[in-house]
Amino acid sequence: MRTGRRIKKDVDLLLERWPQKFPYIKLVTATNNFMEAQKVGEGGFGVVYKGFLIDLSMVVAIKAIKRFSDLPSDGKTQYETEVKVTSRLRHRNVIRLIGYSHHKDRPLLVYEFAPRGTLSSHLFDSKKPPLSLAQRQKIALGLARALRYLHEECAARYVVHRDVKSANVLLDENFEVKLTDFGLAMVGDHGGDLQETDVWGTVGYVAPEYQSTGKFSKGSDVYSFGVVVLEIACGRMTMDLVRWVWGLYGAGRILEAADARLAGEFDRRVMERLMVLGLWCANPDHTERPSMGQAVGVLEFLEVALPKLALEMPSPRYVVPRPSATAAEATSHQILSLTGALPGKSSSQSNSKTLSFDSKGYTQKVVSSTMIKSMGGEGARSTKTYVYSGEIKTNTKTFNVTKSYVP
């Protein structure tokens, strides 16, 4: 019979080499043949079970993913991203991928177990007691540290999560944060340019510049973090949350946004700092957001000053890249391609070699609604169609151009 010290040594050795490949039968045993009573969560990609690895005396979470053939078109890619990214991360506030297994066409992932479940359940499930302000601050700090690690401390490359939300924040028995669900994550080089992709995420948490241009950056995660911080402080869901809190801030009544379940029993200075930090991070103008390192500093030290925000919520500032030097030789159609205002066919073709894009007057307006792509099919997903307009100037003429754009 092995002693507790021997078991701990085995666990430590396992975690040094994780993720490990587990025999499928071991996971069957760990979950009592995936018994319904062991189920702790379910999403669009599969079911999560609580399991117990007997030989390691370890409680784990086992995500039984649907067969690849039953997943959405991007499902396999997201599964591969989850494994590749999570297996390389080492931080106390990032979920630990312990191992994996495959059974026929069905993959399984084994994670450390977070017994207190999701942050969203503690914020929005009336059957659970309200979190204290100290717990809320601890959770906000844990999430901030996780994102600082992803953005600033991951060796030569950084990670953008792209789906930061309260449902993807798990809590252990001590209310320590475990950031999870890296299926949408992207990896970039420090100092690299913004990346452009299809828009993925969860409505209410997606940064406006990402939703409108398809360009994401670390600042996109910062925005999502700010929304989660406001959820933590206010106990309200995301819909129009930033605008509502900002309105109270501008009126000098921001503490009215505090979670009513706290019944006013909280440190007013700490609560106000938490909400102002949330607004700072969720600023619609991405150029005014802090880094995650700055956010950690605000949460760790009360002495760190917060900025004075505008009394009215700013308008989003979208990323409109100017043409490169080589674009001077391009046609107006090519210039439009570089600026993101590309019409299908343009009557403004010109052979002039002195073209330039004037971003002044570059505007956007909402014209209709459509759907935003999302992982897992959790909740409603909606975004908008935009019309961009601007000018192309040659040395002799100015052309007005318009482009309908669906993120």
Protein backbone atom coordinates (compact mmCIF):
# COMPACT_ATOMS: atom_id res chain seq x y z
CA MET A 1 0.00 0.00 0.00
CA ARG A 2 1.39 3.37 -0.99
CA THR A 3 1.75 6.18 1.52
CA GLY A 4 0.40 9.69 1.04
CA ARG A 5 3.95 10.93 0.47
CA ARG A 6 4.48 8.40 -2.33
CA ILE A 7 1.19 9.36 -3.95
CA LYS A 8 2.09 13.06 -3.82
CA LYS A 9 5.44 12.27 -5.43
CA ASP A 10 3.67 10.39 -8.23
CA VAL A 11 1.33 13.34 -8.76
CA ASP A 12 4.23 15.79 -8.87
CA LEU A 13 6.04 13.63 -11.42
CA LEU A 14 2.88 13.42 -13.52
CA LEU A 15 2.39 17.17 -13.52
CA GLU A 16 6.00 17.74 -14.56
CA ARG A 17 5.29 15.70 -17.69
CA TRP A 18 1.69 16.67 -18.34
CA PRO A 19 -0.32 16.38 -20.39
CA GLN A 20 -0.24 12.58 -20.19
CA LYS A 21 -2.08 10.10 -22.36
CA PHE A 22 -4.53 8.10 -20.24
CA PRO A 23 -5.95 4.71 -21.22
CA TYR A 24 -9.62 5.15 -22.01
CA ILE A 25 -10.58 2.45 -19.50
CA LYS A 26 -8.99 4.50 -16.72
CA LEU A 27 -11.34 7.41 -17.46
CA VAL A 28 -14.31 5.05 -17.66
CA THR A 29 -13.42 3.83 -14.17
CA ALA A 30 -12.83 7.36 -12.89
CA THR A 31 -16.36 8.44 -13.86
CA ASN A 32 -18.24 5.20 -13.07
CA ASN A 33 -18.73 4.68 -16.79
CA PHE A 34 -19.61 8.34 -17.33
CA MET A 35 -22.54 8.08 -14.97
CA GLU A 36 -25.12 10.86 -15.13
CA ALA A 37 -24.54 11.68 -11.45
CA GLN A 38 -20.92 12.56 -12.27
CA LYS A 39 -21.90 15.19 -14.82
CA VAL A 40 -20.92 18.72 -13.76
CA GLY A 41 -21.38 20.66 -16.99
CA GLU A 42 -22.48 20.50 -20.59
CA GLY A 43 -21.93 22.68 -23.64
CA GLY A 44 -22.08 22.63 -27.39
CA PHE A 45 -18.85 20.63 -27.64
CA GLY A 46 -19.50 17.93 -25.08
CA VAL A 47 -20.05 16.99 -21.45
CA VAL A 48 -17.81 17.52 -18.41
CA TYR A 49 -17.69 14.83 -15.71
CA LYS A 50 -16.16 14.78 -12.28
CA GLY A 51 -13.77 11.86 -11.98
CA PHE A 52 -11.37 10.29 -9.51
CA LEU A 53 -8.04 8.81 -10.60
CA ILE A 54 -7.53 6.05 -8.04
CA ASP A 55 -3.83 5.46 -8.57
CA LEU A 56 -3.06 9.16 -8.07
CA SER A 57 -5.78 9.94 -5.51
CA MET A 58 -6.72 12.92 -7.66
CA VAL A 59 -10.10 14.46 -8.39
CA VAL A 60 -10.25 15.65 -12.00
CA ALA A 61 -12.63 17.11 -14.55
CA ILE A 62 -12.99 14.98 -17.69
CA LYS A 63 -14.33 16.72 -20.78
CA ALA A 64 -15.87 14.14 -23.09
CA ILE A 65 -15.94 15.93 -26.42
CA LYS A 66 -18.38 14.97 -29.15
CA ARG A 67 -17.15 12.83 -31.99
CA PHE A 68 -15.27 14.89 -34.55
CA SER A 69 -17.89 13.96 -37.12
CA ASP A 70 -20.60 15.52 -34.92
CA LEU A 71 -18.76 18.77 -34.21
CA PRO A 72 -19.34 22.05 -36.09
CA SER A 73 -17.06 22.71 -39.05
CA ASP A 74 -14.46 24.48 -36.88
CA GLY A 75 -14.83 22.08 -33.96
CA LYS A 76 -11.74 19.99 -34.59
CA THR A 77 -9.61 23.11 -35.04
CA GLN A 78 -10.84 24.52 -31.74
CA TYR A 79 -10.13 21.22 -30.00
CA GLU A 80 -6.59 21.19 -31.38
CA THR A 81 -6.08 24.81 -30.33
CA GLU A 82 -7.32 24.01 -26.82
CA VAL A 83 -4.78 21.20 -26.47
CA LYS A 84 -1.84 23.01 -28.07
CA VAL A 85 -2.29 26.22 -26.09
CA THR A 86 -3.32 24.84 -22.70
CA SER A 87 -0.60 22.19 -22.66
CA ARG A 88 2.05 24.93 -22.76
CA LEU A 89 0.63 27.20 -20.08
CA ARG A 90 1.95 27.16 -16.51
CA HIS A 91 0.16 29.52 -14.14
CA ARG A 92 -1.83 29.05 -10.95
CA ASN A 93 -4.78 30.99 -12.39
CA VAL A 94 -4.92 29.10 -15.70
CA ILE A 95 -6.63 25.71 -15.81
CA ARG A 96 -4.17 22.83 -15.85
CA LEU A 97 -4.49 20.25 -18.60
CA ILE A 98 -3.41 17.00 -16.96
CA GLY A 99 -4.00 14.55 -19.76
CA TYR A 100 -6.00 13.32 -22.70
CA SER A 101 -7.39 10.17 -24.26
CA HIS A 102 -9.13 9.04 -27.44
CA HIS A 103 -11.83 6.46 -27.92
CA LYS A 104 -12.65 5.74 -31.54
CA ASP A 105 -13.51 9.17 -32.97
CA ARG A 106 -14.12 10.76 -29.58
CA PRO A 107 -11.44 12.80 -27.75
CA LEU A 108 -11.36 13.31 -23.99
CA LEU A 109 -9.42 15.93 -22.02
CA VAL A 110 -8.51 15.66 -18.34
CA TYR A 111 -8.21 18.87 -16.31
CA GLU A 112 -7.68 19.80 -12.70
CA PHE A 113 -11.03 20.01 -10.94
CA ALA A 114 -12.44 23.36 -9.81
CA PRO A 115 -15.07 22.39 -7.21
CA ARG A 116 -16.84 25.75 -6.94
CA GLY A 117 -17.77 25.84 -10.60
CA THR A 118 -18.10 28.91 -12.78
CA LEU A 119 -17.95 32.52 -11.69
CA SER A 120 -21.18 33.17 -13.59
CA SER A 121 -23.05 30.70 -11.38
CA HIS A 122 -21.98 32.59 -8.26
CA LEU A 123 -22.96 35.93 -9.74
CA PHE A 124 -26.29 35.03 -11.30
CA ASP A 125 -27.66 31.96 -9.49
CA SER A 126 -29.97 33.27 -6.79
CA LYS A 127 -29.72 29.93 -4.96
CA LYS A 128 -26.07 30.60 -4.13
CA PRO A 129 -25.05 33.06 -1.41
CA PRO A 130 -23.63 36.36 -2.68
CA LEU A 131 -19.88 36.67 -2.91
CA SER A 132 -18.33 39.04 -0.38
CA LEU A 133 -16.48 42.09 -1.67
CA ALA A 134 -13.19 40.49 -0.58
CA GLN A 135 -14.00 37.40 -2.64
CA ARG A 136 -14.95 39.54 -5.62
CA GLN A 137 -11.71 41.47 -5.44
CA LYS A 138 -9.73 38.23 -5.14
CA ILE A 139 -11.47 36.81 -8.21
CA ALA A 140 -10.88 39.97 -10.26
CA LEU A 141 -7.20 39.91 -9.27
CA GLY A 142 -6.84 36.23 -10.12
CA LEU A 143 -8.33 36.77 -13.57
CA ALA A 144 -6.14 39.84 -14.11
CA ARG A 145 -3.04 37.84 -13.21
CA ALA A 146 -4.03 35.05 -15.60
CA LEU A 147 -4.40 37.52 -18.47
CA ARG A 148 -1.19 39.36 -17.56
CA TYR A 149 0.58 36.02 -17.79
CA LEU A 150 -0.94 35.30 -21.20
CA HIS A 151 -0.19 38.77 -22.57
CA GLU A 152 3.14 39.64 -20.98
CA GLU A 153 4.86 36.65 -19.40
CA CYS A 154 4.63 33.83 -21.96
CA ALA A 155 8.27 33.79 -23.10
CA ALA A 156 8.73 35.01 -26.69
CA ARG A 157 5.05 34.85 -27.67
CA TYR A 158 1.79 36.07 -26.17
CA VAL A 159 -1.66 34.49 -26.06
CA VAL A 160 -4.95 36.29 -26.67
CA HIS A 161 -7.80 34.26 -25.16
CA ARG A 162 -10.61 35.81 -27.27
CA ASP A 163 -13.46 34.45 -25.15
CA VAL A 164 -12.96 35.91 -21.67
CA LYS A 165 -16.29 35.77 -19.84
CA SER A 166 -17.59 34.83 -16.40
CA ALA A 167 -18.70 31.40 -17.67
CA ASN A 168 -15.07 30.63 -18.59
CA VAL A 169 -13.75 31.53 -15.14
CA LEU A 170 -13.71 28.52 -12.80
CA LEU A 171 -13.13 28.69 -9.04
CA ASP A 172 -11.34 26.22 -6.79
CA GLU A 173 -12.26 25.52 -3.18
CA ASN A 174 -10.47 28.72 -2.06
CA PHE A 175 -12.07 30.89 -4.77
CA GLU A 176 -8.83 30.97 -6.74
CA VAL A 177 -9.45 31.67 -10.42
CA LYS A 178 -8.83 29.03 -13.07
CA LEU A 179 -9.24 30.56 -16.53
CA THR A 180 -10.44 27.92 -18.96
CA ASP A 181 -11.69 27.29 -22.51
CA PHE A 182 -8.82 28.18 -24.86
CA GLY A 183 -10.43 26.86 -28.04
CA LEU A 184 -10.52 30.33 -29.62
CA ALA A 185 -7.09 31.45 -28.41
CA MET A 186 -4.55 32.95 -30.80
CA VAL A 187 -0.79 33.19 -30.34
CA GLY A 188 1.25 36.16 -31.55
CA ASP A 189 4.74 37.59 -31.44
CA HIS A 190 5.41 40.39 -28.96
CA GLY A 191 5.44 43.68 -30.83
CA GLY A 192 3.56 42.16 -33.77
CA ASP A 193 0.66 43.78 -35.59
CA LEU A 194 -3.01 43.26 -34.89
CA GLN A 195 -4.36 40.08 -36.40
CA GLU A 196 -7.50 39.87 -38.51
CA THR A 197 -9.87 36.91 -38.27
CA ASP A 198 -13.52 36.04 -38.38
CA VAL A 199 -15.22 37.48 -35.31
CA TRP A 200 -15.65 34.90 -32.57
CA GLY A 201 -16.68 35.29 -28.96
CA THR A 202 -19.74 35.88 -26.83
CA VAL A 203 -22.02 38.85 -27.36
CA GLY A 204 -21.61 41.46 -24.63
CA TYR A 205 -17.96 40.63 -24.08
CA VAL A 206 -16.58 41.27 -27.59
CA ALA A 207 -14.56 44.49 -27.92
CA PRO A 208 -16.24 46.93 -30.34
CA GLU A 209 -13.16 47.37 -32.54
CA TYR A 210 -12.79 43.60 -32.88
CA GLN A 211 -16.47 43.14 -33.66
CA SER A 212 -16.41 45.89 -36.27
CA THR A 213 -13.09 45.27 -38.02
CA GLY A 214 -12.18 41.65 -37.27
CA LYS A 215 -8.86 42.86 -35.81
CA PHE A 216 -8.06 41.59 -32.34
CA SER A 217 -5.24 42.33 -29.95
CA LYS A 218 -4.42 42.05 -26.27
CA GLY A 219 -6.72 45.04 -25.85
CA SER A 220 -9.63 42.89 -26.99
CA ASP A 221 -9.09 40.66 -23.95
CA VAL A 222 -8.71 43.75 -21.75
CA TYR A 223 -12.17 44.90 -22.84
CA SER A 224 -13.69 41.50 -22.03
CA PHE A 225 -11.93 41.54 -18.66
CA GLY A 226 -13.44 44.95 -17.93
CA VAL A 227 -16.93 43.62 -18.64
CA VAL A 228 -16.33 40.67 -16.29
CA VAL A 229 -15.10 43.05 -13.57
CA LEU A 230 -18.31 45.05 -13.91
CA GLU A 231 -20.31 41.83 -13.65
CA ILE A 232 -18.36 40.97 -10.50
CA ALA A 233 -19.01 44.37 -8.92
CA CYS A 234 -22.61 44.83 -10.05
CA GLY A 235 -23.98 41.28 -10.11
CA ARG A 236 -25.62 42.05 -13.46
CA MET A 237 -25.31 40.38 -16.85
CA THR A 238 -23.49 42.03 -19.72
CA MET A 239 -26.26 43.49 -21.84
CA ASP A 240 -25.69 47.27 -21.93
CA LEU A 241 -23.80 46.96 -18.63
CA VAL A 242 -20.89 49.21 -19.62
CA ARG A 243 -23.19 52.01 -20.79
CA TRP A 244 -25.34 51.77 -17.65
CA VAL A 245 -22.41 51.91 -15.22
CA TRP A 246 -20.74 54.69 -17.21
CA GLY A 247 -23.90 56.75 -17.00
CA LEU A 248 -23.93 56.44 -13.21
CA TYR A 249 -20.22 57.27 -13.10
CA GLY A 250 -20.81 60.45 -15.10
CA ALA A 251 -23.61 61.43 -12.73
CA GLY A 252 -21.39 60.89 -9.67
CA ARG A 253 -23.52 57.95 -8.49
CA ILE A 254 -21.41 54.96 -9.50
CA LEU A 255 -21.89 53.14 -6.18
CA GLU A 256 -25.57 52.76 -7.07
CA ALA A 257 -24.38 50.10 -9.53
CA ALA A 258 -23.02 47.87 -6.74
CA ASP A 259 -24.61 44.42 -6.41
CA ALA A 260 -27.87 44.90 -4.53
CA ARG A 261 -27.35 41.55 -2.78
CA LEU A 262 -24.55 43.15 -0.76
CA ALA A 263 -27.14 45.51 0.78
CA GLY A 264 -24.59 48.31 0.98
CA GLU A 265 -22.33 46.30 3.29
CA PHE A 266 -18.98 46.92 1.61
CA ASP A 267 -15.93 49.17 1.62
CA ARG A 268 -17.02 52.04 -0.61
CA ARG A 269 -13.48 52.89 -1.74
CA VAL A 270 -12.71 49.30 -2.78
CA MET A 271 -16.02 48.92 -4.61
CA GLU A 272 -15.60 52.21 -6.46
CA ARG A 273 -12.06 51.27 -7.54
CA LEU A 274 -13.31 47.94 -8.81
CA MET A 275 -16.02 49.55 -10.93
CA VAL A 276 -13.80 52.34 -12.27
CA LEU A 277 -11.21 49.73 -13.22
CA GLY A 278 -13.94 47.84 -15.06
CA LEU A 279 -14.88 50.97 -17.01
CA TRP A 280 -11.24 51.79 -17.76
CA CYS A 281 -10.68 48.33 -19.20
CA ALA A 282 -14.02 48.29 -21.05
CA ASN A 283 -13.47 51.71 -22.61
CA PRO A 284 -14.98 51.58 -26.12
CA ASP A 285 -11.93 53.54 -27.31
CA HIS A 286 -9.29 50.80 -27.38
CA THR A 287 -6.45 53.35 -27.27
CA GLU A 288 -7.50 54.39 -23.75
CA ARG A 289 -7.46 50.93 -22.13
CA PRO A 290 -4.74 49.85 -19.70
CA SER A 291 -2.54 46.80 -20.09
CA MET A 292 -3.29 43.79 -17.92
CA GLY A 293 -0.13 44.59 -15.97
CA GLN A 294 -1.60 47.97 -15.07
CA ALA A 295 -4.89 46.33 -14.10
CA VAL A 296 -3.05 43.96 -11.75
CA GLY A 297 -1.31 46.95 -10.16
CA VAL A 298 -4.63 48.68 -9.47
CA LEU A 299 -6.03 45.56 -7.79
CA GLU A 300 -2.91 44.79 -5.78
CA PHE A 301 -2.23 48.28 -4.46
CA LEU A 302 -4.84 50.79 -3.32
CA GLU A 303 -2.19 53.50 -3.68
CA VAL A 304 -2.10 53.13 -7.46
CA ALA A 305 -4.01 56.02 -8.97
CA LEU A 306 -6.87 55.41 -11.37
CA PRO A 307 -7.37 57.70 -14.36
CA LYS A 308 -10.13 60.28 -14.48
CA LEU A 309 -12.45 58.90 -17.11
CA ALA A 310 -14.62 60.96 -19.41
CA LEU A 311 -18.01 61.66 -17.85
CA GLU A 312 -19.70 60.46 -21.03
CA MET A 313 -18.89 57.05 -22.46
CA PRO A 314 -16.47 57.50 -25.39
CA SER A 315 -17.28 56.32 -28.88
CA PRO A 316 -15.33 53.38 -30.28
CA ARG A 317 -12.21 54.17 -32.26
CA TYR A 318 -11.74 51.61 -34.97
CA VAL A 319 -8.44 50.47 -36.37
CA VAL A 320 -8.07 51.98 -39.83
CA PRO A 321 -4.56 51.14 -41.06
CA ARG A 322 -2.99 53.59 -43.45
CA PRO A 323 -1.47 52.31 -46.68
CA SER A 324 2.16 51.25 -46.60
CA ALA A 325 4.80 53.05 -48.64
CA THR A 326 4.43 50.53 -51.45
CA ALA A 327 0.76 51.42 -51.74
CA ALA A 328 1.68 54.70 -53.44
CA GLU A 329 2.10 52.69 -56.62
CA ALA A 330 -1.26 50.94 -56.27
CA THR A 331 -4.61 51.62 -57.85
CA SER A 332 -7.46 53.02 -55.81
CA HIS A 333 -8.93 49.52 -55.65
CA GLN A 334 -5.74 48.30 -53.99
CA ILE A 335 -5.67 51.25 -51.63
CA LEU A 336 -9.18 50.37 -50.54
CA SER A 337 -8.07 46.80 -49.92
CA LEU A 338 -5.41 48.07 -47.57
CA THR A 339 -7.83 50.25 -45.64
CA GLY A 340 -10.58 47.70 -45.25
CA ALA A 341 -13.05 49.75 -47.30
CA LEU A 342 -12.93 47.55 -50.38
CA PRO A 343 -15.96 47.63 -52.67
CA GLY A 344 -16.61 44.65 -54.89
CA LYS A 345 -15.96 46.72 -58.01
CA SER A 346 -14.89 50.32 -58.02
CA SER A 347 -15.47 52.89 -60.73
CA SER A 348 -12.62 54.87 -59.21
CA GLN A 349 -9.87 52.93 -60.93
CA SER A 350 -6.96 55.22 -61.73
CA ASN A 351 -3.47 54.89 -63.07
CA SER A 352 -2.24 57.80 -60.97
CA LYS A 353 0.82 57.04 -58.89
CA THR A 354 0.08 59.60 -56.17
CA LEU A 355 -2.89 57.95 -54.47
CA SER A 356 -3.53 58.32 -50.76
CA PHE A 357 -6.30 57.39 -48.36
CA ASP A 358 -7.77 60.16 -46.28
CA SER A 359 -9.11 58.63 -43.06
CA LYS A 360 -10.84 61.88 -42.10
CA GLY A 361 -14.53 61.48 -42.50
CA TYR A 362 -14.19 57.71 -42.38
CA THR A 363 -17.49 56.81 -40.73
CA GLN A 364 -19.63 53.82 -39.96
CA LYS A 365 -23.30 53.29 -39.30
CA VAL A 366 -25.44 50.31 -38.41
CA VAL A 367 -27.74 49.14 -41.17
CA SER A 368 -28.88 45.66 -40.14
CA SER A 369 -28.32 42.75 -37.79
CA THR A 370 -26.76 39.35 -38.38
CA MET A 371 -25.11 36.63 -36.27
CA ILE A 372 -21.72 36.44 -34.62
CA LYS A 373 -19.87 33.11 -34.66
CA SER A 374 -19.36 31.48 -31.30
CA MET A 375 -17.85 28.38 -29.77
CA GLY A 376 -20.14 25.92 -28.06
CA GLY A 377 -23.50 27.46 -28.91
CA GLU A 378 -24.00 29.00 -25.47
CA GLY A 379 -26.60 31.77 -25.48
CA ALA A 380 -27.62 34.25 -28.14
CA ARG A 381 -25.03 35.60 -30.50
CA SER A 382 -25.69 38.74 -32.51
CA THR A 383 -23.74 41.53 -34.10
CA LYS A 384 -24.32 44.15 -36.76
CA THR A 385 -23.67 45.01 -40.36
CA TYR A 386 -21.83 48.26 -40.94
CA VAL A 387 -21.41 50.63 -43.84
CA TYR A 388 -17.98 52.23 -44.02
CA SER A 389 -17.41 55.31 -46.12
CA GLY A 390 -14.36 57.35 -46.93
CA GLU A 391 -12.41 59.06 -49.68
CA ILE A 392 -9.78 58.08 -52.18
CA LYS A 393 -7.77 61.02 -53.48
CA THR A 394 -5.63 61.21 -56.59
CA ASN A 395 -3.67 64.23 -57.72
CA THR A 396 -6.66 65.34 -59.78
CA LYS A 397 -9.83 63.80 -58.34
CA THR A 398 -11.50 62.69 -55.12
CA PHE A 399 -13.65 59.54 -55.12
CA ASN A 400 -16.21 58.76 -52.43
CA VAL A 401 -16.39 55.05 -51.64
CA THR A 402 -18.71 52.95 -49.55
CA LYS A 403 -18.39 49.36 -48.32
CA SER A 404 -20.94 47.23 -46.50
CA TYR A 405 -19.15 45.15 -43.90
CA VAL A 406 -20.36 42.22 -41.83
CA PRO A 407 -17.83 41.25 -39.11
